[in-house]
Amino acid sequence: MQKNHEICILSATTQTNITGFTERIMCNGFLKNVKITAALFFLIILHGCSFSGSVIGPEYDEDTMAEILTEIHLAEARVSKMKFRSPDSSALVFKRLEEQIFIKHEIDTLEYRKSYEYYASDAIQWKLIYQKVNENLNSKENKPNDT
């Protein structure tokens, strides 16, 4: 009987040690996960900060950007006048017109987006560009339609 009792005590001690070991592993595992998560979060924030500072400049000058924006706004107006029943149809037609504008100016979508973000990040520069866009639209409005 004594042996059985010792075995039970040994089993209880072993269980306690195993449970304690498991708790330490879980606790250390949890802390490890928190540390990894915090490190990843820090790296993402650091990358975001370094990315925004790495923008050197636009792909093209303000005048070209104003011309492109003018044509994009005219394309938007053209599509809205077509009064499609489906927003999908409007979007498809606009995308096609936008592609033609990019081909005309020999740029791609990425170059346009980079320049757009660059100029839009500076309110004063953006305002100057849109003054040029307004001038372009007013001059096109005053010209007789060639088509």
Protein backbone atom coordinates (compact mmCIF):
# COMPACT_ATOMS: atom_id res chain seq x y z
CA MET A 1 0.00 0.00 0.00
CA GLN A 2 2.88 2.28 0.78
CA LYS A 3 4.23 1.89 -2.72
CA ASN A 4 0.93 2.87 -4.31
CA HIS A 5 0.77 5.94 -2.11
CA GLU A 6 4.29 6.98 -3.13
CA ILE A 7 3.41 6.42 -6.74
CA CYS A 8 0.37 8.69 -6.33
CA ILE A 9 2.50 11.33 -4.63
CA LEU A 10 5.12 10.98 -7.34
CA SER A 11 2.42 11.21 -9.96
CA ALA A 12 0.99 14.34 -8.32
CA THR A 13 4.47 15.88 -8.14
CA THR A 14 5.13 14.97 -11.76
CA GLN A 15 1.78 16.42 -12.79
CA THR A 16 2.54 19.64 -10.89
CA ASN A 17 5.93 19.90 -12.54
CA ILE A 18 4.47 19.21 -15.94
CA THR A 19 1.67 21.73 -15.34
CA GLY A 20 4.15 24.33 -14.11
CA PHE A 21 6.38 23.65 -17.09
CA THR A 22 3.39 23.96 -19.41
CA GLU A 23 2.37 27.21 -17.75
CA ARG A 24 5.90 28.58 -18.15
CA ILE A 25 5.94 27.55 -21.80
CA MET A 26 2.53 29.13 -22.38
CA CYS A 27 3.56 32.28 -20.54
CA ASN A 28 6.87 32.47 -22.38
CA GLY A 29 5.10 31.67 -25.63
CA PHE A 30 2.61 34.43 -25.00
CA LEU A 31 5.35 36.91 -24.17
CA LYS A 32 7.27 35.78 -27.22
CA ASN A 33 4.18 36.38 -29.40
CA VAL A 34 3.68 39.82 -27.87
CA LYS A 35 7.32 40.69 -28.49
CA ILE A 36 7.13 39.48 -32.10
CA THR A 37 3.88 41.36 -32.67
CA ALA A 38 5.35 44.54 -31.17
CA ALA A 39 8.50 44.17 -33.28
CA LEU A 40 6.45 43.68 -36.47
CA PHE A 41 4.28 46.67 -35.63
CA PHE A 42 7.39 48.79 -35.04
CA LEU A 43 8.91 47.66 -38.35
CA ILE A 44 5.71 48.48 -40.23
CA ILE A 45 5.60 51.94 -38.68
CA LEU A 46 9.30 52.44 -39.40
CA HIS A 47 8.84 51.29 -42.99
CA GLY A 48 5.89 53.65 -43.44
CA CYS A 49 7.91 56.57 -42.17
CA SER A 50 10.89 55.75 -44.34
CA PHE A 51 8.66 55.18 -47.38
CA SER A 52 7.03 58.59 -47.16
CA GLY A 53 10.44 60.22 -46.88
CA SER A 54 11.83 58.27 -49.83
CA VAL A 55 9.64 60.02 -52.42
CA ILE A 56 12.11 62.04 -54.44
CA GLY A 57 9.76 63.91 -56.67
CA PRO A 58 7.05 63.69 -59.27
CA GLU A 59 7.43 61.87 -62.55
CA TYR A 60 6.62 65.05 -64.51
CA ASP A 61 6.25 68.80 -64.02
CA GLU A 62 3.25 70.79 -62.76
CA ASP A 63 2.15 71.88 -66.26
CA THR A 64 1.97 68.29 -67.48
CA MET A 65 0.11 67.27 -64.34
CA ALA A 66 -2.37 70.11 -64.91
CA GLU A 67 -2.89 68.99 -68.53
CA ILE A 68 -3.48 65.40 -67.48
CA LEU A 69 -5.91 66.41 -64.71
CA THR A 70 -7.75 68.68 -67.14
CA GLU A 71 -8.22 65.81 -69.58
CA ILE A 72 -9.26 63.46 -66.77
CA HIS A 73 -11.92 65.90 -65.59
CA LEU A 74 -13.17 66.31 -69.15
CA ALA A 75 -13.34 62.52 -69.48
CA GLU A 76 -15.33 62.33 -66.24
CA ALA A 77 -17.74 64.95 -67.57
CA ARG A 78 -18.09 63.08 -70.85
CA VAL A 79 -18.91 59.84 -69.04
CA SER A 80 -21.42 61.52 -66.73
CA LYS A 81 -23.21 62.99 -69.78
CA MET A 82 -23.59 59.49 -71.23
CA LYS A 83 -25.94 58.57 -68.35
CA PHE A 84 -25.24 54.86 -68.20
CA ARG A 85 -27.70 52.80 -66.23
CA SER A 86 -24.95 50.75 -64.67
CA PRO A 87 -22.09 52.23 -62.63
CA ASP A 88 -19.95 49.38 -63.96
CA SER A 89 -20.46 50.60 -67.52
CA SER A 90 -19.51 54.14 -66.51
CA ALA A 91 -16.39 52.88 -64.79
CA LEU A 92 -15.36 50.80 -67.81
CA VAL A 93 -15.79 53.70 -70.22
CA PHE A 94 -13.93 56.06 -67.91
CA LYS A 95 -11.05 53.58 -67.50
CA ARG A 96 -10.76 53.35 -71.29
CA LEU A 97 -10.69 57.15 -71.64
CA GLU A 98 -8.14 57.37 -68.83
CA GLU A 99 -5.93 54.80 -70.58
CA GLN A 100 -6.08 56.90 -73.76
CA ILE A 101 -5.01 59.98 -71.79
CA PHE A 102 -2.07 58.09 -70.31
CA ILE A 103 -1.05 56.80 -73.75
CA LYS A 104 -1.26 60.32 -75.18
CA HIS A 105 1.04 61.66 -72.45
CA GLU A 106 3.26 58.54 -72.55
CA ILE A 107 2.82 57.73 -68.88
CA ASP A 108 1.54 54.73 -66.99
CA THR A 109 -0.81 54.44 -64.04
CA LEU A 110 2.02 54.09 -61.51
CA GLU A 111 3.75 57.26 -62.73
CA TYR A 112 0.44 59.12 -62.57
CA ARG A 113 -0.33 57.87 -59.05
CA LYS A 114 3.14 58.76 -57.78
CA SER A 115 2.94 62.26 -59.21
CA TYR A 116 -0.64 62.70 -58.02
CA GLU A 117 0.32 61.72 -54.46
CA TYR A 118 3.43 63.90 -54.56
CA TYR A 119 1.61 67.03 -55.70
CA ALA A 120 -1.47 66.40 -53.52
CA SER A 121 0.72 66.14 -50.41
CA ASP A 122 1.63 69.84 -50.76
CA ALA A 123 -1.50 72.00 -50.47
CA ILE A 124 0.10 75.11 -51.98
CA GLN A 125 1.48 73.24 -54.99
CA TRP A 126 -1.83 71.39 -55.43
CA LYS A 127 -3.71 74.68 -55.41
CA LEU A 128 -1.39 76.08 -58.10
CA ILE A 129 -1.92 72.99 -60.25
CA TYR A 130 -5.68 73.29 -59.92
CA GLN A 131 -5.52 76.96 -60.84
CA LYS A 132 -3.88 75.80 -64.08
CA VAL A 133 -6.55 73.11 -64.48
CA ASN A 134 -9.26 75.76 -64.11
CA GLU A 135 -7.50 77.98 -66.65
CA ASN A 136 -7.27 75.04 -69.06
CA LEU A 137 -10.95 74.21 -68.62
CA ASN A 138 -11.97 77.84 -69.10
CA SER A 139 -9.87 78.14 -72.27
CA LYS A 140 -11.40 74.93 -73.65
CA GLU A 141 -14.87 76.21 -72.81
CA ASN A 142 -14.24 79.45 -74.70
CA LYS A 143 -12.85 77.68 -77.80
CA PRO A 144 -15.30 76.50 -80.45
CA ASN A 145 -15.71 72.75 -80.50
CA ASP A 146 -13.66 71.24 -83.35
CA THR A 147 -15.47 67.90 -83.39
